Amino acid sequence: MEKIKAKPIEIFKNIIIAILTVTMLLLAGLYIGGSQFMSNRGAINTVDMPNSSVTVGTDAPERSSLYKKDLLAVSYAAISCSGGGGAYGNEPAARDLFDFAAEPIHSLLGSSATIEKTTKSAFENALSNGRYIFFSLAAPLPYQVIYALSGEYLAPAGNDEAISSDTLLLSFSTDGKTALYLKNGEKYYLASADYRISLAEAAAMASDSRLCEYVIKENAVAVSSASPHTQTLSLAEGRIPSGKTYTSILSLLEYDDADAQALTLDVDIVAPHGTVSFTDEKMVYTASNDSGLAISAFLESNVESLDISFIDVLRASVSLMEKIQSAYPEMTGEALDMYLDGFYYDDGTYTAIFGLSDSSIPISGKKLPYLAKLTSANGRFKSIDLRFIGAVKSGKTTSAFPSEWEYSYASKNSKIDSFVLRYAVDTLPLGELDAHWYYTGEEVPK
């Protein structure tokens, strides 16, 4: 039987039809599967979205953890573990040592830890064992604050005594078990918890070539034969804010546009919730009786006044300061670093003091005792004393005398309690300001 041959055009049509059929089947499959996938993805993005999710088109809230803000200024850091060395607080090696020690320090001040009084001899024995990390802080702070500034805040150790410290000694045994000694003046405390450090990692940190030789004196002051390298600063006198800056600051303090009177020096702006005054040197806010700025307004979530805790006050104080600095950076130490210079609680009132530093070297004096002092009570800020200061880094680096030399000279005539490198701001303006060594103590009778 003779086969009928299909014409080429018919063969071509059949091929095209087959290709189109397969393509349609594939597209149908993709549509059905894709719809199911998008449906599942939609469920993930709506039902299971975290509480911290932000609606598109709105600004995401700042959620940087408190301990990541570098508010804890370290003046000197040292390590001893099969070798070792030290570094001034403005050197990267000191920051690396603190970053390494932050986790054990945080754990040893946490809720599972115990804090008890100890002795100077116990502190010295921990030094003589030769396995430790030492820190001298720029300012004494309560252990609860040190806990909050060294890791994520959960709950600090409980203790009925007000314990502050400007010296930390993280000691560890041959099996890595750690203990934390806290010193402030003649008072010594020991914080204990079940935490072990890696001796291998500690030894690696101790072998850092950037570290220099040091000695820890009997009063727990660390001195070095190395010269600290510092920036030369130029500081300007304060200048009263104007225009949008002025309005922004007033808005933070809950004053409306009607309160923004014609701006003159020494003007006082009065509202039912308080009074604010501006001069070239500072801004002072004072709340009226039973009023003030709500602390919860500066927190990420609303907190009832009766539930305001120490950590809420600390977080709100930092948030308020950051907002003020953002509104007026050129006159709140824009080129410098803000650090926590003190935190107190007395008779129902919290006091937070913020200072300025250049890489952990404090900047203070008669003209700038602090950057800001904030008081709060009953869930509200009661007063704000903010100093205005303009700062520029000249780019010029100088070398101060080694702390060992300066300490040796000063100790000939005095019993030294503290020994710090700082910029002294006793007059303004200052064209070229260098850091120098300062000490506190009693004169030794000749």
Protein backbone atom coordinates (compact mmCIF):
# COMPACT_ATOMS: atom_id res chain seq x y z
CA MET A 1 0.00 0.00 0.00
CA GLU A 2 1.42 3.26 -0.97
CA LYS A 3 2.13 5.68 1.92
CA ILE A 4 0.83 9.19 1.64
CA LYS A 5 3.63 11.66 2.36
CA ALA A 6 2.75 14.75 4.35
CA LYS A 7 3.55 18.01 2.79
CA PRO A 8 6.39 20.04 4.44
CA ILE A 9 3.94 22.77 5.36
CA GLU A 10 1.77 20.27 7.27
CA ILE A 11 4.79 18.92 9.16
CA PHE A 12 5.76 22.45 10.16
CA LYS A 13 2.21 23.19 11.39
CA ASN A 14 2.19 20.03 13.53
CA ILE A 15 5.54 21.00 15.14
CA ILE A 16 4.28 24.47 15.94
CA ILE A 17 1.08 23.08 17.50
CA ALA A 18 3.08 20.65 19.64
CA ILE A 19 5.41 23.38 20.88
CA LEU A 20 2.49 25.66 21.74
CA THR A 21 0.69 22.86 23.59
CA VAL A 22 3.74 22.04 25.72
CA THR A 23 4.32 25.73 26.43
CA MET A 24 0.72 26.21 27.57
CA LEU A 25 0.95 23.20 29.87
CA LEU A 26 4.18 24.53 31.40
CA LEU A 27 2.71 27.99 31.94
CA ALA A 28 -0.36 26.50 33.59
CA GLY A 29 1.84 24.52 35.94
CA LEU A 30 3.91 27.53 36.80
CA TYR A 31 0.79 29.59 37.44
CA ILE A 32 -0.76 27.02 39.78
CA GLY A 33 2.47 26.34 41.63
CA GLY A 34 3.40 30.01 41.75
CA SER A 35 0.02 30.96 43.13
CA GLN A 36 0.41 28.38 45.87
CA PHE A 37 3.97 29.62 46.60
CA MET A 38 2.84 33.25 46.73
CA SER A 39 -0.03 32.25 48.99
CA ASN A 40 2.37 30.53 51.36
CA ARG A 41 4.80 33.43 51.22
CA GLY A 42 1.98 35.83 51.94
CA ALA A 43 1.13 33.81 55.05
CA ILE A 44 4.73 33.98 56.21
CA ASN A 45 4.91 37.74 55.71
CA THR A 46 1.67 38.55 57.51
CA VAL A 47 0.77 35.95 60.09
CA ASP A 48 4.32 35.25 61.23
CA MET A 49 5.73 38.76 61.05
CA PRO A 50 7.69 39.78 64.16
CA ASN A 51 6.43 42.48 66.49
CA SER A 52 9.32 44.70 65.37
CA SER A 53 8.06 44.80 61.77
CA VAL A 54 7.65 48.24 60.21
CA THR A 55 4.97 49.35 57.74
CA VAL A 56 6.35 50.30 54.33
CA GLY A 57 6.59 54.07 54.03
CA THR A 58 7.35 54.71 57.71
CA ASP A 59 10.69 55.22 59.44
CA ALA A 60 12.12 52.23 61.26
CA PRO A 61 12.67 52.95 64.96
CA GLU A 62 16.22 52.99 66.30
CA ARG A 63 16.86 49.69 68.02
CA SER A 64 20.60 49.79 68.52
CA SER A 65 21.35 48.05 71.80
CA LEU A 66 22.62 50.22 74.63
CA TYR A 67 25.89 48.32 74.92
CA LYS A 68 26.70 48.99 71.25
CA LYS A 69 26.79 52.75 71.76
CA ASP A 70 30.32 52.80 73.29
CA LEU A 71 29.26 54.80 76.35
CA LEU A 72 31.72 53.02 78.65
CA ALA A 73 35.05 54.86 78.40
CA VAL A 74 38.15 52.78 79.22
CA SER A 75 41.25 54.75 80.24
CA TYR A 76 43.65 51.81 80.30
CA ALA A 77 43.49 48.09 79.51
CA ALA A 78 45.99 45.31 80.20
CA ILE A 79 46.15 41.53 79.98
CA SER A 80 48.40 38.89 81.55
CA CYS A 81 48.25 35.29 80.34
CA SER A 82 51.49 33.55 79.34
CA GLY A 83 52.77 36.97 78.40
CA GLY A 84 50.80 40.13 77.97
CA GLY A 85 50.87 43.90 77.83
CA GLY A 86 48.77 47.03 78.09
CA ALA A 87 47.31 49.84 76.00
CA TYR A 88 45.97 53.32 76.64
CA GLY A 89 42.22 53.69 76.23
CA ASN A 90 42.46 55.64 72.96
CA GLU A 91 44.34 52.80 71.26
CA PRO A 92 42.55 50.08 69.23
CA ALA A 93 44.21 47.33 71.29
CA ALA A 94 42.40 48.55 74.41
CA ARG A 95 39.03 48.40 72.65
CA ASP A 96 39.80 44.88 71.40
CA LEU A 97 40.61 43.77 74.93
CA PHE A 98 37.33 45.14 76.21
CA ASP A 99 35.37 43.52 73.38
CA PHE A 100 36.99 40.20 74.31
CA ALA A 101 36.29 40.61 78.04
CA ALA A 102 32.79 42.12 77.74
CA GLU A 103 30.95 38.79 77.69
CA PRO A 104 32.54 37.36 80.86
CA ILE A 105 32.21 40.73 82.65
CA HIS A 106 28.54 40.87 81.66
CA SER A 107 27.94 37.30 82.84
CA LEU A 108 29.71 37.89 86.15
CA LEU A 109 27.42 40.85 86.84
CA GLY A 110 24.22 39.10 85.72
CA SER A 111 21.34 37.80 87.82
CA SER A 112 22.99 34.40 88.38
CA ALA A 113 26.04 36.04 89.96
CA THR A 114 26.74 36.99 93.55
CA ILE A 115 28.56 40.15 94.61
CA GLU A 116 30.20 40.39 98.02
CA LYS A 117 32.79 42.50 99.78
CA THR A 118 36.40 41.41 99.54
CA THR A 119 39.80 42.74 100.55
CA LYS A 120 42.68 44.58 99.00
CA SER A 121 44.91 41.54 99.62
CA ALA A 122 42.48 39.32 97.66
CA PHE A 123 42.60 41.82 94.78
CA GLU A 124 46.41 41.84 94.89
CA ASN A 125 46.54 38.02 95.02
CA ALA A 126 44.46 37.90 91.84
CA LEU A 127 47.02 40.17 90.20
CA SER A 128 49.96 38.09 91.41
CA ASN A 129 48.44 34.91 89.91
CA GLY A 130 49.29 36.36 86.51
CA ARG A 131 46.05 35.45 84.69
CA TYR A 132 43.79 38.47 84.34
CA ILE A 133 42.44 41.29 82.20
CA PHE A 134 42.54 44.73 83.82
CA PHE A 135 40.52 47.84 83.02
CA SER A 136 40.69 51.37 84.40
CA LEU A 137 37.50 53.29 83.58
CA ALA A 138 37.29 57.01 82.89
CA ALA A 139 34.60 57.37 85.58
CA PRO A 140 33.23 55.22 88.43
CA LEU A 141 29.87 53.66 87.54
CA PRO A 142 27.38 51.44 89.39
CA TYR A 143 27.85 47.75 88.62
CA GLN A 144 24.32 47.65 87.17
CA VAL A 145 25.37 50.27 84.61
CA ILE A 146 28.57 48.38 83.76
CA TYR A 147 26.38 45.31 83.25
CA ALA A 148 24.06 47.26 80.92
CA LEU A 149 26.96 48.71 78.91
CA SER A 150 28.76 45.39 78.41
CA GLY A 151 25.98 43.23 76.95
CA GLU A 152 22.28 42.77 76.22
CA TYR A 153 20.28 43.83 79.28
CA LEU A 154 18.27 41.12 81.04
CA ALA A 155 18.77 41.45 84.80
CA PRO A 156 21.84 42.41 86.85
CA ALA A 157 22.98 40.70 90.03
CA GLY A 158 21.04 41.65 93.12
CA ASN A 159 22.74 43.51 95.97
CA ASP A 160 21.38 45.88 98.57
CA GLU A 161 24.57 47.94 98.73
CA ALA A 162 25.34 50.77 96.31
CA ILE A 163 28.41 49.42 94.52
CA SER A 164 30.31 51.52 92.01
CA SER A 165 33.64 50.81 90.38
CA ASP A 166 36.28 52.56 88.30
CA THR A 167 38.60 49.53 88.17
CA LEU A 168 37.75 46.06 86.89
CA LEU A 169 39.95 42.98 87.27
CA LEU A 170 38.76 39.88 85.40
CA SER A 171 40.76 37.04 86.97
CA PHE A 172 40.80 33.44 85.70
CA SER A 173 42.30 30.17 86.94
CA THR A 174 44.21 27.47 85.03
CA ASP A 175 40.93 25.80 84.06
CA GLY A 176 39.43 29.10 82.81
CA LYS A 177 37.06 29.71 85.74
CA THR A 178 36.58 33.44 86.12
CA ALA A 179 35.98 35.96 88.88
CA LEU A 180 35.51 39.72 88.65
CA TYR A 181 37.00 42.16 91.17
CA LEU A 182 35.56 45.67 91.38
CA LYS A 183 37.44 48.52 93.05
CA ASN A 184 36.48 52.08 93.86
CA GLY A 185 38.76 53.97 96.23
CA GLU A 186 39.45 51.74 99.21
CA LYS A 187 36.43 49.49 98.63
CA TYR A 188 36.77 46.08 96.97
CA TYR A 189 34.10 43.64 95.80
CA LEU A 190 34.09 40.20 94.21
CA ALA A 191 31.52 39.07 91.62
CA SER A 192 31.25 35.31 91.10
CA ALA A 193 29.29 33.12 88.66
CA ASP A 194 29.78 29.93 86.67
CA TYR A 195 31.63 31.27 83.64
CA ARG A 196 34.80 29.94 82.02
CA ILE A 197 37.09 31.73 79.63
CA SER A 198 39.18 30.14 76.88
CA LEU A 199 42.80 30.24 77.99
CA ALA A 200 43.94 29.71 74.39
CA GLU A 201 41.99 32.77 73.24
CA ALA A 202 43.24 34.80 76.22
CA ALA A 203 46.84 33.82 75.42
CA ALA A 204 46.29 34.87 71.80
CA MET A 205 44.99 38.26 72.97
CA ALA A 206 48.01 38.60 75.27
CA SER A 207 50.39 38.06 72.34
CA ASP A 208 49.07 41.14 70.48
CA SER A 209 52.14 43.00 69.23
CA ARG A 210 50.41 46.36 69.78
CA LEU A 211 50.51 45.90 73.56
CA CYS A 212 53.30 47.52 75.59
CA GLU A 213 54.92 46.85 78.95
CA TYR A 214 53.09 48.16 81.99
CA VAL A 215 53.06 48.02 85.78
CA ILE A 216 50.04 48.07 88.09
CA LYS A 217 50.88 50.06 91.20
CA GLU A 218 49.68 49.16 94.70
CA ASN A 219 46.78 51.61 94.37
CA ALA A 220 45.65 49.75 91.20
CA VAL A 221 46.85 52.52 88.86
CA ALA A 222 48.35 51.07 85.68
CA VAL A 223 51.33 52.94 84.24
CA SER A 224 53.35 52.38 81.09
CA SER A 225 56.71 53.44 79.68
CA ALA A 226 55.05 53.96 76.28
CA SER A 227 53.96 57.41 75.15
CA PRO A 228 50.25 57.88 74.38
CA HIS A 229 49.53 59.50 71.02
CA THR A 230 46.73 62.03 71.11
CA GLN A 231 44.91 64.45 68.83
CA THR A 232 45.27 68.19 69.15
CA LEU A 233 41.84 69.80 69.50
CA SER A 234 40.41 73.21 68.80
CA LEU A 235 37.47 74.14 71.03
CA ALA A 236 35.03 76.97 70.45
CA GLU A 237 32.87 78.89 72.87
CA GLY A 238 29.21 78.00 72.94
CA ARG A 239 26.71 79.60 70.62
CA ILE A 240 23.00 79.88 71.24
CA PRO A 241 20.96 77.85 68.71
CA SER A 242 18.84 79.61 66.13
CA GLY A 243 16.23 78.93 63.48
CA LYS A 244 15.21 75.31 62.92
CA THR A 245 17.74 74.08 65.48
CA TYR A 246 16.15 76.17 68.18
CA THR A 247 12.67 74.99 67.21
CA SER A 248 13.80 71.34 67.11
CA ILE A 249 15.23 71.49 70.61
CA LEU A 250 12.12 73.21 71.94
CA SER A 251 9.98 70.55 70.28
CA LEU A 252 11.96 67.83 72.08
CA LEU A 253 11.17 69.62 75.32
CA GLU A 254 7.46 69.71 74.37
CA TYR A 255 7.23 73.45 73.64
CA ASP A 256 5.14 74.43 70.63
CA ASP A 257 5.74 77.15 68.05
CA ALA A 258 3.87 79.68 70.13
CA ASP A 259 6.48 79.26 72.86
CA ALA A 260 9.32 80.15 70.49
CA GLN A 261 9.48 83.82 71.33
CA ALA A 262 11.91 86.25 69.73
CA LEU A 263 15.29 84.74 70.49
CA THR A 264 17.58 86.80 72.71
CA LEU A 265 20.28 85.90 75.17
CA ASP A 266 19.16 84.98 78.66
CA VAL A 267 15.58 84.49 77.49
CA ASP A 268 13.31 82.29 79.61
CA ILE A 269 10.48 80.39 77.96
CA VAL A 270 7.78 79.38 80.38
CA ALA A 271 5.09 76.77 79.84
CA PRO A 272 2.83 74.87 82.24
CA HIS A 273 5.20 71.91 82.32
CA GLY A 274 8.41 73.86 82.94
CA THR A 275 10.88 76.62 82.13
CA VAL A 276 13.77 76.57 79.65
CA SER A 277 16.49 79.20 79.29
CA PHE A 278 19.29 79.59 76.75
CA THR A 279 22.63 81.38 76.92
CA ASP A 280 25.73 81.09 74.77
CA GLU A 281 27.15 78.61 77.26
CA LYS A 282 24.26 76.33 78.08
CA MET A 283 20.59 75.40 78.05
CA VAL A 284 18.76 74.74 81.30
CA TYR A 285 15.35 73.09 81.56
CA THR A 286 13.51 72.93 84.89
CA ALA A 287 10.17 71.16 85.24
CA SER A 288 7.32 72.68 87.18
CA ASN A 289 5.94 70.88 90.21
CA ASP A 290 4.37 67.49 89.45
CA SER A 291 5.31 67.83 85.77
CA GLY A 292 8.24 67.24 83.43
CA LEU A 293 9.08 65.33 80.27
CA ALA A 294 7.68 61.80 80.22
CA ILE A 295 10.50 59.25 80.17
CA SER A 296 8.31 56.87 78.17
CA ALA A 297 8.33 59.41 75.30
CA PHE A 298 12.01 58.55 74.77
CA LEU A 299 11.60 54.77 74.92
CA GLU A 300 10.81 52.37 72.10
CA SER A 301 7.68 51.14 73.88
CA ASN A 302 5.27 52.85 76.24
CA VAL A 303 5.96 52.23 79.93
CA GLU A 304 3.70 53.32 82.75
CA SER A 305 5.28 55.81 85.16
CA LEU A 306 4.98 53.41 88.09
CA ASP A 307 6.85 50.74 86.10
CA ILE A 308 9.80 52.93 85.12
CA SER A 309 13.01 51.15 86.15
CA PHE A 310 16.67 52.11 86.28
CA ILE A 311 17.30 50.71 82.80
CA ASP A 312 14.35 52.69 81.40
CA VAL A 313 15.82 55.88 82.87
CA LEU A 314 19.24 55.08 81.43
CA ARG A 315 17.88 54.26 77.98
CA ALA A 316 15.65 57.33 77.90
CA SER A 317 18.52 59.58 79.03
CA VAL A 318 20.73 58.27 76.23
CA SER A 319 17.90 58.63 73.70
CA LEU A 320 17.22 62.23 74.75
CA MET A 321 20.90 63.12 74.50
CA GLU A 322 21.19 61.53 71.05
CA LYS A 323 18.19 63.53 69.84
CA ILE A 324 19.65 66.78 71.18
CA GLN A 325 23.01 66.03 69.57
CA SER A 326 21.27 65.26 66.30
CA ALA A 327 19.42 68.59 66.44
CA TYR A 328 22.51 70.65 67.36
CA PRO A 329 25.63 68.60 66.48
CA GLU A 330 28.02 71.50 65.91
CA MET A 331 27.59 72.75 69.48
CA THR A 332 27.27 69.46 71.37
CA GLY A 333 30.69 68.03 70.59
CA GLU A 334 30.07 66.76 67.07
CA ALA A 335 33.72 65.72 66.54
CA LEU A 336 33.93 64.04 69.95
CA ASP A 337 32.53 60.96 71.68
CA MET A 338 29.78 61.00 74.28
CA TYR A 339 30.27 58.72 77.29
CA LEU A 340 28.52 58.08 80.59
CA ASP A 341 30.39 60.01 83.26
CA GLY A 342 28.11 59.15 86.20
CA PHE A 343 24.79 57.63 87.20
CA TYR A 344 23.24 58.03 90.66
CA TYR A 345 20.06 57.30 92.56
CA ASP A 346 19.22 59.18 95.71
CA ASP A 347 15.91 59.61 97.51
CA GLY A 348 13.78 58.77 94.48
CA THR A 349 15.79 60.84 92.00
CA TYR A 350 18.02 59.51 89.21
CA THR A 351 20.92 61.61 87.94
CA ALA A 352 22.67 60.80 84.65
CA ILE A 353 25.84 62.69 83.73
CA PHE A 354 27.26 62.61 80.22
CA GLY A 355 30.76 63.68 79.31
CA LEU A 356 32.74 64.22 76.11
CA SER A 357 35.94 62.42 75.23
CA ASP A 358 38.27 61.92 72.33
CA SER A 359 38.68 58.15 72.08
CA SER A 360 38.20 57.63 75.85
CA ILE A 361 40.33 60.65 76.85
CA PRO A 362 37.94 62.87 78.88
CA ILE A 363 37.48 66.53 77.96
CA SER A 364 36.49 68.57 81.00
CA GLY A 365 37.35 71.53 83.20
CA LYS A 366 35.94 74.73 84.69
CA LYS A 367 34.34 75.74 81.39
CA LEU A 368 33.02 72.25 80.66
CA PRO A 369 32.40 70.24 83.84
CA TYR A 370 30.26 67.87 81.75
CA LEU A 371 28.28 67.81 78.54
CA ALA A 372 24.94 67.30 80.26
CA LYS A 373 23.35 66.47 83.60
CA LEU A 374 19.83 65.04 83.60
CA THR A 375 17.66 64.35 86.64
CA SER A 376 14.43 62.36 86.71
CA ALA A 377 11.84 61.21 89.22
CA ASN A 378 8.40 59.57 89.11
CA GLY A 379 8.79 58.66 85.46
CA ARG A 380 9.65 62.17 84.27
CA PHE A 381 12.73 64.23 83.47
CA LYS A 382 12.87 67.02 86.03
CA SER A 383 15.89 68.99 84.84
CA ILE A 384 18.39 69.18 81.99
CA ASP A 385 21.65 71.13 82.21
CA LEU A 386 23.25 71.04 78.75
CA ARG A 387 26.55 72.75 77.94
CA PHE A 388 27.33 74.08 74.46
CA ILE A 389 30.78 73.37 73.02
CA GLY A 390 32.17 73.28 69.49
CA ALA A 391 35.11 71.01 68.74
CA VAL A 392 37.38 70.39 65.77
CA LYS A 393 40.16 67.83 65.47
CA SER A 394 43.14 69.54 63.91
CA GLY A 395 44.56 66.34 62.45
CA LYS A 396 47.78 67.01 64.34
CA THR A 397 48.95 64.09 66.49
CA THR A 398 51.19 64.67 69.50
CA SER A 399 52.82 62.42 72.08
CA ALA A 400 52.20 62.95 75.78
CA PHE A 401 54.83 61.88 78.29
CA PRO A 402 54.63 58.21 79.35
CA SER A 403 52.37 57.66 82.34
CA GLU A 404 55.19 55.90 84.19
CA TRP A 405 57.38 59.02 84.08
CA GLU A 406 54.59 61.38 85.12
CA TYR A 407 53.39 59.05 87.88
CA SER A 408 56.91 58.70 89.28
CA TYR A 409 57.27 62.49 89.44
CA ALA A 410 53.85 63.09 91.03
CA SER A 411 54.23 60.31 93.61
CA LYS A 412 57.31 61.97 95.11
CA ASN A 413 55.11 64.55 96.77
CA SER A 414 51.66 62.93 96.90
CA LYS A 415 49.82 59.77 97.74
CA ILE A 416 48.02 59.23 94.44
CA ASP A 417 44.41 58.06 94.30
CA SER A 418 43.70 58.44 90.59
CA PHE A 419 45.80 59.15 87.53
CA VAL A 420 44.22 60.08 84.18
CA LEU A 421 45.04 61.55 80.79
CA ARG A 422 42.60 64.31 79.86
CA TYR A 423 42.03 67.57 78.02
CA ALA A 424 41.54 70.44 80.49
CA VAL A 425 38.96 73.02 79.39
CA ASP A 426 39.44 75.86 81.85
CA THR A 427 39.15 78.70 79.34
CA LEU A 428 37.57 79.17 75.91
CA PRO A 429 38.25 79.41 73.03
CA LEU A 430 41.25 77.09 72.76
CA GLY A 431 43.20 77.01 69.51
CA GLU A 432 45.49 74.04 70.12
CA LEU A 433 44.62 71.86 73.10
CA ASP A 434 46.74 68.83 73.94
CA ALA A 435 46.05 66.12 76.52
CA HIS A 436 48.09 66.03 79.74
CA TRP A 437 48.32 63.82 82.83
CA TYR A 438 46.37 64.75 85.98
CA TYR A 439 46.09 63.09 89.36
CA THR A 440 44.15 63.30 92.60
CA GLY A 441 45.56 62.47 96.01
CA GLU A 442 46.95 63.77 99.26
CA GLU A 443 50.19 65.64 99.69
CA VAL A 444 52.85 63.60 101.46
CA PRO A 445 54.38 65.46 104.45
CA LYS A 446 58.06 66.16 103.90
